[in-house]
Protein backbone atom coordinates (compact mmCIF):
# COMPACT_ATOMS: atom_id res chain seq x y z
CA MET A 1 3.53 58.45 22.06
CA PRO A 2 3.82 56.11 19.10
CA GLU A 3 6.14 54.00 21.24
CA LEU A 4 3.38 53.44 23.81
CA GLU A 5 0.94 52.42 21.09
CA ASP A 6 3.46 49.89 19.74
CA GLN A 7 3.95 48.45 23.23
CA ASP A 8 0.17 48.11 23.70
CA GLU A 9 -0.12 46.26 20.38
CA ASP A 10 2.75 43.96 21.32
CA GLN A 11 1.15 43.18 24.68
CA GLU A 12 -2.18 42.39 23.04
CA GLN A 13 -0.50 40.10 20.55
CA THR A 14 1.45 38.24 23.22
CA LYS A 15 -1.43 37.84 25.66
CA GLY A 16 -3.02 35.06 23.65
CA TRP A 17 0.15 33.26 22.61
CA ARG A 18 -0.22 30.51 25.18
CA LYS A 19 -3.86 29.91 24.31
CA GLU A 20 -2.98 29.88 20.63
CA LEU A 21 -0.19 27.35 21.20
CA GLU A 22 -2.47 25.17 23.31
CA ALA A 23 -5.15 25.28 20.61
CA ARG A 24 -2.59 24.30 17.96
CA ALA A 25 -1.29 21.46 20.13
CA LYS A 26 -4.84 20.20 20.66
CA LYS A 27 -5.48 20.26 16.91
CA GLY A 28 -2.22 18.39 16.36
CA ASP A 29 -3.15 15.76 18.94
CA GLU A 30 -6.56 15.32 17.31
CA ALA A 31 -4.95 14.97 13.88
CA VAL A 32 -2.55 12.32 15.20
CA LYS A 33 -5.47 10.37 16.71
CA ARG A 34 -7.40 10.53 13.41
CA LEU A 35 -4.33 9.37 11.49
CA GLU A 36 -3.77 6.45 13.86
CA LEU A 37 -7.43 5.43 13.52
CA MET A 38 -7.24 5.62 9.73
CA GLU A 39 -4.04 3.56 9.68
CA ARG A 40 -5.65 0.99 11.98
CA ARG A 41 -8.76 0.75 9.80
CA ASP A 42 -6.56 0.46 6.71
CA ALA A 43 -4.59 -2.39 8.29
CA PHE A 44 -7.80 -4.34 8.91
CA ARG A 45 -9.01 -3.66 5.38
CA SER A 46 -5.74 -4.88 3.91
CA ALA A 47 -6.17 -8.07 5.95
CA GLY A 48 -9.56 -8.58 4.32
CA LEU A 49 -11.71 -7.47 7.25
CA ASP A 50 -14.29 -4.71 7.11
CA PRO A 51 -13.89 -2.53 10.21
CA ASP A 52 -17.46 -1.28 9.74
CA ASP A 53 -18.95 -4.79 9.91
CA LYS A 54 -20.99 -5.06 13.12
CA LYS A 55 -19.95 -8.70 13.55
CA LEU A 56 -16.26 -7.76 13.50
CA SER A 57 -16.44 -4.47 15.39
CA TYR A 58 -15.58 -6.02 18.76
CA PHE A 59 -12.55 -7.76 17.28
CA VAL A 60 -11.40 -4.57 15.53
CA LYS A 61 -11.79 -2.49 18.69
CA GLY A 62 -10.22 -5.07 21.01
CA TYR A 63 -7.32 -6.18 18.85
CA GLU A 64 -4.02 -5.16 20.46
CA GLY A 65 -1.51 -7.02 18.28
CA GLU A 66 0.71 -5.79 15.49
CA LEU A 67 -1.08 -3.86 12.78
CA THR A 68 0.34 -5.98 9.99
CA LYS A 69 -1.71 -7.98 7.52
CA ALA A 70 -0.14 -11.28 8.59
CA ALA A 71 -0.67 -10.70 12.31
CA ILE A 72 -4.29 -9.58 11.88
CA VAL A 73 -5.13 -12.50 9.57
CA GLU A 74 -3.52 -14.96 11.98
CA GLU A 75 -5.47 -13.62 14.96
CA ALA A 76 -8.76 -13.37 13.05
CA THR A 77 -8.31 -16.92 11.77
CA SER A 78 -7.57 -18.29 15.24
CA ALA A 79 -10.66 -16.46 16.53
CA GLY A 80 -12.76 -18.09 13.81
CA LEU A 81 -13.64 -14.80 12.15
CA MET A 82 -12.18 -15.75 8.79
CA ALA A 83 -11.07 -18.87 6.98
CA ALA A 84 -7.39 -19.73 6.82
CA PRO A 85 -5.85 -18.07 3.78
CA ASP A 86 -5.03 -20.30 0.81
CA PRO A 87 -1.30 -19.82 0.10
CA ALA A 88 -1.77 -20.64 -3.60
CA ALA A 89 -4.44 -17.96 -3.95
CA ALA A 90 -2.23 -15.37 -2.29
CA GLU A 91 0.28 -15.53 -5.13
CA HIS A 92 -0.18 -12.81 -7.72
CA PRO A 93 -1.38 -14.14 -11.10
CA ALA A 94 1.69 -12.73 -12.81
CA ALA A 95 4.12 -14.10 -10.24
CA GLY A 96 7.05 -15.72 -11.92
CA THR A 97 6.75 -13.58 -15.03
CA LEU A 98 10.06 -11.91 -14.33
CA ASP A 99 11.65 -15.33 -13.88
CA LYS A 100 10.20 -16.39 -17.22
CA ILE A 101 11.55 -13.25 -18.85
CA GLY A 102 14.97 -14.05 -17.43
CA GLU A 103 14.78 -17.60 -18.77
CA VAL A 104 13.80 -16.38 -22.21
CA ALA A 105 16.49 -13.72 -22.16
CA SER A 106 19.14 -16.33 -21.46
CA THR A 107 17.95 -18.86 -24.08
CA THR A 108 16.41 -16.84 -26.90
CA THR A 109 18.05 -14.62 -29.48
CA PRO A 110 15.27 -12.52 -31.04
CA THR A 111 17.59 -9.77 -32.23
CA GLY A 112 20.94 -11.46 -32.25
CA ASN A 113 22.63 -12.37 -28.98
CA ASN A 114 21.55 -9.26 -27.15
CA GLU A 115 19.74 -9.75 -23.83
CA ALA A 116 19.30 -5.98 -23.51
CA ALA A 117 17.43 -5.90 -26.82
CA LEU A 118 15.08 -8.64 -25.64
CA ARG A 119 14.37 -6.80 -22.40
CA ALA A 120 13.82 -3.59 -24.34
CA SER A 121 11.34 -5.29 -26.68
CA LEU A 122 9.44 -6.75 -23.72
CA GLU A 123 9.39 -3.40 -21.95
CA LYS A 124 8.16 -1.72 -25.12
CA ALA A 125 5.38 -4.31 -25.46
CA TYR A 126 4.34 -3.64 -21.88
CA ASP A 127 4.53 0.16 -22.30
CA ASP A 128 2.49 0.01 -25.52
CA GLY A 129 -0.19 -2.44 -24.44
CA GLY A 130 0.16 -3.30 -20.79
CA THR A 131 0.13 -6.78 -19.31
CA GLU A 132 -1.79 -8.35 -22.19
CA ALA A 133 0.73 -7.14 -24.76
CA LEU A 134 3.61 -8.37 -22.58
CA MET A 135 1.99 -11.79 -22.31
CA ASP A 136 1.46 -11.88 -26.08
CA GLU A 137 5.12 -11.06 -26.63
CA LEU A 138 6.22 -13.74 -24.17
CA GLU A 139 4.03 -16.32 -25.91
CA LYS A 140 5.61 -15.34 -29.24
CA LEU A 141 8.96 -16.14 -27.67
CA GLY A 142 7.78 -19.57 -26.53
CA VAL A 143 7.06 -18.84 -22.88
CA GLN A 144 3.93 -20.60 -21.71
CA VAL A 145 1.78 -18.02 -19.93
CA SER A 146 -0.85 -19.73 -17.82
CA THR A 147 -2.26 -16.67 -16.06
CA ARG A 148 -4.68 -15.74 -18.85
CA GLN A 149 -8.26 -15.43 -17.64
């Protein structure tokens, strides 16, 4: 008789397998939709647009282009929803710092003729004190750092 009881348990367990799989698939589909919505909202935020802004909500909902910052900014600018981006302002304040480090490394000899030692000292300055310490170290080496605020 234990065999019959085992069969009954197996049948009960397998009766709901399809419903369970359908429920899991539905949850998966819902999760994918939420993820896509979050990625879409994030793309608009990275382009400088607030997806919760009532004035922009129609644009956000109706936009069908690529979800890249450049594409969204271009479309929003052409629609008059935002000003054209200033290319000079888009550049990071520390842009060119690595180029300056390379220039200094090739022309300066702080610890002999060792470029690796220079890079190590600059990395140590950054590790110890962050960007400010790195800028201080570069200024000590004669690099003009114009990104100070």
